[in-house]
Amino acid sequence: QVQLVESGGGLVQTGGSLRVSCAVSGRMFNNYAVGWFRQAPGKEREFVAVINWSGGSTAYADSVKGRFTISRDNPKNTVYLQMNSLKPEETAVYFCAANWERSDVVAVTPGGYAYWGQGTQVTVSS
């Protein structure tokens, strides 16, 4: 069984930075692609970023390109999302998700992931 736990959310001012983490328990973490999604109240869950099993392939939503960076530390079973120049409209619950995938193909929709964390709140004040 794979379990994901997000941490690092909080309150930050507009233009500030925050790093959220996703700790993944279970075997063979380096066989999983891991993605970040976010969901604001009353809105659908949307894709933010994803990293493949090796860390050699990443993808980002257009809205975060150049500001957010996804990375992974396989020995620590952890994926990070560094968020810079945050905007108030990016206030949301941020979720990480994992799926068994050993290729460079990465999913950018929620349906492409079998395992989800509980989420961490990120609030950007104006």
N, C-alpha and C. Protein backbone atom coordinates (compact mmCIF):
# COMPACT_ATOMS: atom_id res chain seq x y z
N GLN A 1 0.85 -1.18 0.00
CA GLN A 1 0.00 0.00 0.00
C GLN A 1 0.88 1.23 0.00
N VAL A 2 0.55 2.20 -0.83
CA VAL A 2 1.29 3.45 -0.93
C VAL A 2 0.52 4.53 -0.19
N GLN A 3 1.21 5.25 0.66
CA GLN A 3 0.59 6.36 1.38
C GLN A 3 1.40 7.63 1.14
N LEU A 4 0.69 8.73 0.97
CA LEU A 4 1.33 10.01 0.71
C LEU A 4 0.91 11.01 1.79
N VAL A 5 1.87 11.77 2.29
CA VAL A 5 1.60 12.78 3.31
C VAL A 5 2.26 14.08 2.88
N GLU A 6 1.43 15.11 2.69
CA GLU A 6 1.94 16.43 2.34
C GLU A 6 2.26 17.23 3.60
N SER A 7 3.21 18.13 3.46
CA SER A 7 3.55 19.04 4.56
C SER A 7 4.14 20.31 3.97
N GLY A 8 4.22 21.33 4.80
CA GLY A 8 4.89 22.55 4.38
C GLY A 8 3.98 23.67 3.95
N GLY A 9 2.67 23.42 3.93
CA GLY A 9 1.75 24.49 3.58
C GLY A 9 1.71 25.56 4.66
N GLY A 10 1.05 26.66 4.35
CA GLY A 10 0.94 27.74 5.33
C GLY A 10 0.49 29.02 4.68
N LEU A 11 0.72 30.10 5.41
CA LEU A 11 0.31 31.44 4.96
C LEU A 11 1.54 32.19 4.48
N VAL A 12 1.43 32.80 3.31
CA VAL A 12 2.54 33.55 2.73
C VAL A 12 1.97 34.78 2.05
N GLN A 13 2.74 35.83 2.00
CA GLN A 13 2.29 37.05 1.33
C GLN A 13 2.48 36.93 -0.18
N THR A 14 1.74 37.76 -0.89
CA THR A 14 1.88 37.83 -2.35
C THR A 14 3.34 38.07 -2.71
N GLY A 15 3.82 37.27 -3.66
CA GLY A 15 5.20 37.39 -4.08
C GLY A 15 6.17 36.55 -3.28
N GLY A 16 5.67 35.94 -2.23
CA GLY A 16 6.53 35.14 -1.38
C GLY A 16 6.74 33.73 -1.92
N SER A 17 7.49 32.94 -1.15
CA SER A 17 7.85 31.58 -1.55
C SER A 17 7.45 30.59 -0.47
N LEU A 18 7.25 29.37 -0.92
CA LEU A 18 6.90 28.29 -0.01
C LEU A 18 7.34 26.98 -0.66
N ARG A 19 7.79 26.04 0.16
CA ARG A 19 8.10 24.72 -0.37
C ARG A 19 7.23 23.69 0.34
N VAL A 20 6.48 22.95 -0.44
CA VAL A 20 5.69 21.86 0.11
C VAL A 20 6.36 20.54 -0.23
N SER A 21 6.16 19.58 0.67
CA SER A 21 6.79 18.27 0.52
C SER A 21 5.74 17.18 0.49
N CYS A 22 6.10 16.08 -0.15
CA CYS A 22 5.22 14.91 -0.23
C CYS A 22 6.06 13.70 0.14
N ALA A 23 5.81 13.15 1.31
CA ALA A 23 6.51 11.95 1.75
C ALA A 23 5.70 10.73 1.35
N VAL A 24 6.35 9.80 0.69
CA VAL A 24 5.67 8.62 0.15
C VAL A 24 6.17 7.38 0.86
N SER A 25 5.27 6.66 1.49
CA SER A 25 5.64 5.40 2.13
C SER A 25 5.27 4.25 1.23
N GLY A 26 5.91 3.12 1.46
CA GLY A 26 5.66 1.98 0.60
C GLY A 26 6.90 1.59 -0.16
N ARG A 27 6.82 0.50 -0.81
CA ARG A 27 7.99 -0.04 -1.48
C ARG A 27 8.22 0.56 -2.85
N MET A 28 9.44 0.61 -3.23
CA MET A 28 9.83 0.94 -4.60
C MET A 28 9.33 2.31 -5.04
N PHE A 29 9.62 3.29 -4.21
CA PHE A 29 9.21 4.67 -4.51
C PHE A 29 9.72 5.10 -5.88
N ASN A 30 10.89 4.62 -6.27
CA ASN A 30 11.46 5.09 -7.53
C ASN A 30 10.80 4.47 -8.75
N ASN A 31 9.70 3.78 -8.56
CA ASN A 31 8.90 3.29 -9.68
C ASN A 31 7.66 4.14 -9.92
N TYR A 32 7.53 5.22 -9.16
CA TYR A 32 6.31 6.02 -9.21
C TYR A 32 6.57 7.42 -9.77
N ALA A 33 5.69 7.83 -10.67
CA ALA A 33 5.61 9.23 -11.03
C ALA A 33 4.77 9.93 -9.95
N VAL A 34 5.14 11.16 -9.62
CA VAL A 34 4.43 11.90 -8.58
C VAL A 34 4.02 13.27 -9.12
N GLY A 35 2.79 13.61 -8.92
CA GLY A 35 2.28 14.89 -9.38
C GLY A 35 1.74 15.73 -8.25
N TRP A 36 1.67 17.03 -8.51
CA TRP A 36 1.02 17.97 -7.58
C TRP A 36 -0.20 18.56 -8.28
N PHE A 37 -1.28 18.64 -7.54
CA PHE A 37 -2.51 19.25 -7.99
C PHE A 37 -2.95 20.25 -6.92
N ARG A 38 -3.86 21.12 -7.27
CA ARG A 38 -4.42 22.04 -6.27
C ARG A 38 -5.91 22.22 -6.52
N GLN A 39 -6.60 22.54 -5.45
CA GLN A 39 -8.04 22.74 -5.54
C GLN A 39 -8.46 23.88 -4.64
N ALA A 40 -9.02 24.90 -5.25
CA ALA A 40 -9.55 26.04 -4.51
C ALA A 40 -11.03 25.80 -4.24
N PRO A 41 -11.59 26.46 -3.22
CA PRO A 41 -13.00 26.26 -2.90
C PRO A 41 -13.89 26.53 -4.11
N GLY A 42 -14.79 25.60 -4.40
CA GLY A 42 -15.73 25.77 -5.49
C GLY A 42 -15.16 25.54 -6.87
N LYS A 43 -13.90 25.11 -6.94
CA LYS A 43 -13.27 24.88 -8.23
C LYS A 43 -12.83 23.43 -8.36
N GLU A 44 -12.59 23.03 -9.59
CA GLU A 44 -12.12 21.68 -9.84
C GLU A 44 -10.64 21.56 -9.48
N ARG A 45 -10.25 20.33 -9.21
CA ARG A 45 -8.84 20.07 -8.95
C ARG A 45 -8.05 20.27 -10.24
N GLU A 46 -6.95 21.00 -10.15
CA GLU A 46 -6.19 21.29 -11.36
C GLU A 46 -4.74 20.85 -11.22
N PHE A 47 -4.18 20.48 -12.35
CA PHE A 47 -2.80 20.04 -12.41
C PHE A 47 -1.85 21.20 -12.17
N VAL A 48 -0.78 20.92 -11.43
CA VAL A 48 0.26 21.92 -11.18
C VAL A 48 1.60 21.48 -11.78
N ALA A 49 2.07 20.31 -11.39
CA ALA A 49 3.38 19.83 -11.86
C ALA A 49 3.47 18.33 -11.65
N VAL A 50 4.39 17.71 -12.37
CA VAL A 50 4.60 16.27 -12.23
C VAL A 50 6.07 15.96 -12.52
N ILE A 51 6.54 14.90 -11.89
CA ILE A 51 7.91 14.44 -12.11
C ILE A 51 7.89 12.93 -12.31
N ASN A 52 8.69 12.46 -13.25
CA ASN A 52 8.66 11.03 -13.52
C ASN A 52 9.50 10.27 -12.49
N TRP A 53 9.59 8.95 -12.63
CA TRP A 53 10.20 8.10 -11.62
C TRP A 53 11.65 8.44 -11.34
N SER A 54 12.37 8.87 -12.36
CA SER A 54 13.79 9.11 -12.19
C SER A 54 14.11 10.57 -11.88
N GLY A 55 13.15 11.44 -12.09
CA GLY A 55 13.41 12.87 -11.95
C GLY A 55 13.90 13.50 -13.23
N GLY A 56 14.03 12.70 -14.28
CA GLY A 56 14.56 13.21 -15.55
C GLY A 56 13.54 13.88 -16.43
N SER A 57 12.28 13.76 -16.09
CA SER A 57 11.22 14.35 -16.90
C SER A 57 10.22 15.05 -15.99
N THR A 58 9.92 16.28 -16.33
CA THR A 58 8.95 17.05 -15.54
C THR A 58 7.99 17.76 -16.50
N ALA A 59 6.86 18.17 -15.95
CA ALA A 59 5.90 18.96 -16.71
C ALA A 59 5.20 19.90 -15.75
N TYR A 60 4.82 21.07 -16.27
CA TYR A 60 4.20 22.09 -15.44
C TYR A 60 2.97 22.66 -16.14
N ALA A 61 2.02 23.10 -15.34
CA ALA A 61 0.93 23.90 -15.87
C ALA A 61 1.51 25.21 -16.38
N ASP A 62 0.92 25.74 -17.45
CA ASP A 62 1.43 26.99 -18.02
C ASP A 62 1.44 28.11 -16.99
N SER A 63 0.47 28.09 -16.09
CA SER A 63 0.32 29.18 -15.13
C SER A 63 1.45 29.23 -14.10
N VAL A 64 2.21 28.15 -13.96
CA VAL A 64 3.26 28.12 -12.93
C VAL A 64 4.66 27.99 -13.52
N LYS A 65 4.76 27.84 -14.82
CA LYS A 65 6.08 27.69 -15.44
C LYS A 65 6.97 28.89 -15.14
N GLY A 66 8.19 28.59 -14.77
CA GLY A 66 9.14 29.65 -14.45
C GLY A 66 9.09 30.10 -13.00
N ARG A 67 8.05 29.69 -12.28
CA ARG A 67 7.92 30.08 -10.86
C ARG A 67 7.96 28.88 -9.91
N PHE A 68 7.47 27.75 -10.35
CA PHE A 68 7.43 26.55 -9.52
C PHE A 68 8.45 25.54 -10.03
N THR A 69 9.01 24.78 -9.11
CA THR A 69 9.96 23.73 -9.48
C THR A 69 9.63 22.46 -8.69
N ILE A 70 9.48 21.37 -9.41
CA ILE A 70 9.24 20.08 -8.77
C ILE A 70 10.54 19.29 -8.78
N SER A 71 10.80 18.58 -7.70
CA SER A 71 12.02 17.77 -7.62
C SER A 71 11.72 16.57 -6.72
N ARG A 72 12.62 15.60 -6.76
CA ARG A 72 12.43 14.42 -5.91
C ARG A 72 13.77 13.95 -5.37
N ASP A 73 13.69 13.36 -4.19
CA ASP A 73 14.85 12.76 -3.53
C ASP A 73 14.48 11.30 -3.30
N ASN A 74 14.88 10.44 -4.20
CA ASN A 74 14.44 9.04 -4.10
C ASN A 74 14.92 8.33 -2.83
N PRO A 75 16.16 8.53 -2.38
CA PRO A 75 16.56 7.87 -1.12
C PRO A 75 15.69 8.30 0.07
N LYS A 76 15.11 9.50 0.01
CA LYS A 76 14.27 9.99 1.11
C LYS A 76 12.78 9.77 0.83
N ASN A 77 12.44 9.17 -0.31
CA ASN A 77 11.04 8.92 -0.66
C ASN A 77 10.21 10.20 -0.60
N THR A 78 10.76 11.29 -1.09
CA THR A 78 10.09 12.58 -0.96
C THR A 78 10.14 13.35 -2.28
N VAL A 79 9.04 14.02 -2.55
CA VAL A 79 8.94 14.93 -3.69
C VAL A 79 8.66 16.32 -3.15
N TYR A 80 9.28 17.31 -3.75
CA TYR A 80 9.14 18.69 -3.31
C TYR A 80 8.53 19.55 -4.42
N LEU A 81 7.83 20.58 -3.99
CA LEU A 81 7.34 21.60 -4.92
C LEU A 81 7.76 22.95 -4.35
N GLN A 82 8.72 23.57 -5.00
CA GLN A 82 9.15 24.90 -4.60
C GLN A 82 8.31 25.91 -5.36
N MET A 83 7.66 26.79 -4.63
CA MET A 83 6.74 27.76 -5.23
C MET A 83 7.25 29.17 -4.95
N ASN A 84 7.54 29.90 -5.99
CA ASN A 84 8.02 31.28 -5.87
C ASN A 84 7.03 32.25 -6.50
N SER A 85 7.13 33.50 -6.11
CA SER A 85 6.28 34.56 -6.66
C SER A 85 4.81 34.18 -6.60
N LEU A 86 4.38 33.74 -5.44
CA LEU A 86 3.01 33.27 -5.28
C LEU A 86 2.00 34.38 -5.41
N LYS A 87 0.83 34.01 -5.90
CA LYS A 87 -0.26 34.96 -6.16
C LYS A 87 -1.46 34.58 -5.30
N PRO A 88 -2.31 35.56 -4.95
CA PRO A 88 -3.50 35.24 -4.13
C PRO A 88 -4.41 34.19 -4.78
N GLU A 89 -4.50 34.20 -6.09
CA GLU A 89 -5.38 33.23 -6.76
C GLU A 89 -4.83 31.80 -6.70
N GLU A 90 -3.64 31.64 -6.17
CA GLU A 90 -3.08 30.30 -6.00
C GLU A 90 -3.35 29.73 -4.61
N THR A 91 -4.15 30.43 -3.85
CA THR A 91 -4.62 29.89 -2.59
C THR A 91 -5.48 28.66 -2.86
N ALA A 92 -5.11 27.56 -2.23
CA ALA A 92 -5.79 26.29 -2.50
C ALA A 92 -5.25 25.23 -1.57
N VAL A 93 -5.90 24.09 -1.58
CA VAL A 93 -5.33 22.90 -0.97
C VAL A 93 -4.48 22.22 -2.04
N TYR A 94 -3.25 21.93 -1.68
CA TYR A 94 -2.32 21.30 -2.61
C TYR A 94 -2.21 19.83 -2.26
N PHE A 95 -2.41 19.01 -3.27
CA PHE A 95 -2.38 17.56 -3.11
C PHE A 95 -1.23 16.97 -3.91
N CYS A 96 -0.59 15.94 -3.36
CA CYS A 96 0.32 15.16 -4.19
C CYS A 96 -0.34 13.81 -4.50
N ALA A 97 0.07 13.25 -5.62
CA ALA A 97 -0.52 12.00 -6.08
C ALA A 97 0.57 11.17 -6.74
N ALA A 98 0.41 9.85 -6.69
CA ALA A 98 1.43 8.96 -7.23
C ALA A 98 0.79 7.87 -8.08
N ASN A 99 1.56 7.44 -9.06
CA ASN A 99 1.11 6.34 -9.89
C ASN A 99 2.32 5.54 -10.37
N TRP A 100 2.18 4.25 -10.44
CA TRP A 100 3.27 3.38 -10.91
C TRP A 100 3.51 3.68 -12.38
N GLU A 101 4.69 4.14 -12.68
CA GLU A 101 5.01 4.47 -14.07
C GLU A 101 6.53 4.54 -14.24
N ARG A 102 7.06 3.61 -15.02
CA ARG A 102 8.52 3.55 -15.20
C ARG A 102 8.98 4.16 -16.52
N SER A 103 8.06 4.76 -17.27
CA SER A 103 8.47 5.42 -18.50
C SER A 103 8.62 6.91 -18.26
N ASP A 104 8.86 7.64 -19.33
CA ASP A 104 8.94 9.09 -19.23
C ASP A 104 7.58 9.75 -19.45
N VAL A 105 6.57 8.93 -19.63
CA VAL A 105 5.22 9.46 -19.80
C VAL A 105 4.68 9.86 -18.44
N VAL A 106 4.18 11.06 -18.34
CA VAL A 106 3.63 11.54 -17.08
C VAL A 106 2.20 12.02 -17.30
N ALA A 107 1.35 11.77 -16.31
CA ALA A 107 -0.06 12.14 -16.40
C ALA A 107 -0.27 13.56 -15.88
N VAL A 108 -1.15 14.29 -16.53
CA VAL A 108 -1.46 15.65 -16.11
C VAL A 108 -2.92 15.81 -15.72
N THR A 109 -3.63 14.72 -15.57
CA THR A 109 -5.01 14.77 -15.11
C THR A 109 -5.16 13.92 -13.86
N PRO A 110 -6.09 14.26 -12.99
CA PRO A 110 -6.26 13.50 -11.74
C PRO A 110 -6.51 12.02 -11.97
N GLY A 111 -7.18 11.69 -13.05
CA GLY A 111 -7.50 10.29 -13.33
C GLY A 111 -6.29 9.42 -13.61
N GLY A 112 -5.14 10.05 -13.81
CA GLY A 112 -3.93 9.30 -14.07
C GLY A 112 -3.19 8.84 -12.84
N TYR A 113 -3.79 9.03 -11.67
CA TYR A 113 -3.11 8.72 -10.41
C TYR A 113 -3.96 7.82 -9.53
N ALA A 114 -3.32 6.83 -8.96
CA ALA A 114 -4.03 5.87 -8.13
C ALA A 114 -4.00 6.22 -6.65
N TYR A 115 -2.99 6.96 -6.24
CA TYR A 115 -2.79 7.23 -4.81
C TYR A 115 -2.72 8.74 -4.57
N TRP A 116 -3.37 9.17 -3.47
CA TRP A 116 -3.47 10.58 -3.17
C TRP A 116 -3.18 10.83 -1.70
N GLY A 117 -2.61 12.00 -1.42
CA GLY A 117 -2.48 12.46 -0.05
C GLY A 117 -3.71 13.23 0.38
N GLN A 118 -3.70 13.70 1.63
CA GLN A 118 -4.85 14.42 2.19
C GLN A 118 -4.81 15.90 1.87
N GLY A 119 -3.67 16.39 1.42
CA GLY A 119 -3.57 17.79 1.04
C GLY A 119 -3.00 18.67 2.12
N THR A 120 -2.44 19.80 1.70
CA THR A 120 -1.93 20.80 2.62
C THR A 120 -2.40 22.17 2.13
N GLN A 121 -2.86 22.99 3.06
CA GLN A 121 -3.43 24.29 2.69
C GLN A 121 -2.31 25.30 2.43
N VAL A 122 -2.42 25.98 1.32
CA VAL A 122 -1.54 27.10 1.00
C VAL A 122 -2.41 28.34 0.83
N THR A 123 -2.13 29.36 1.62
CA THR A 123 -2.89 30.59 1.56
C THR A 123 -1.95 31.73 1.22
N VAL A 124 -2.28 32.46 0.17
CA VAL A 124 -1.47 33.60 -0.26
C VAL A 124 -2.27 34.86 0.01
N SER A 125 -1.77 35.67 0.90
CA SER A 125 -2.49 36.89 1.28
C SER A 125 -2.12 38.04 0.34
N SER A 126 -3.11 38.88 0.09
CA SER A 126 -2.87 40.02 -0.82
C SER A 126 -2.44 41.26 -0.06
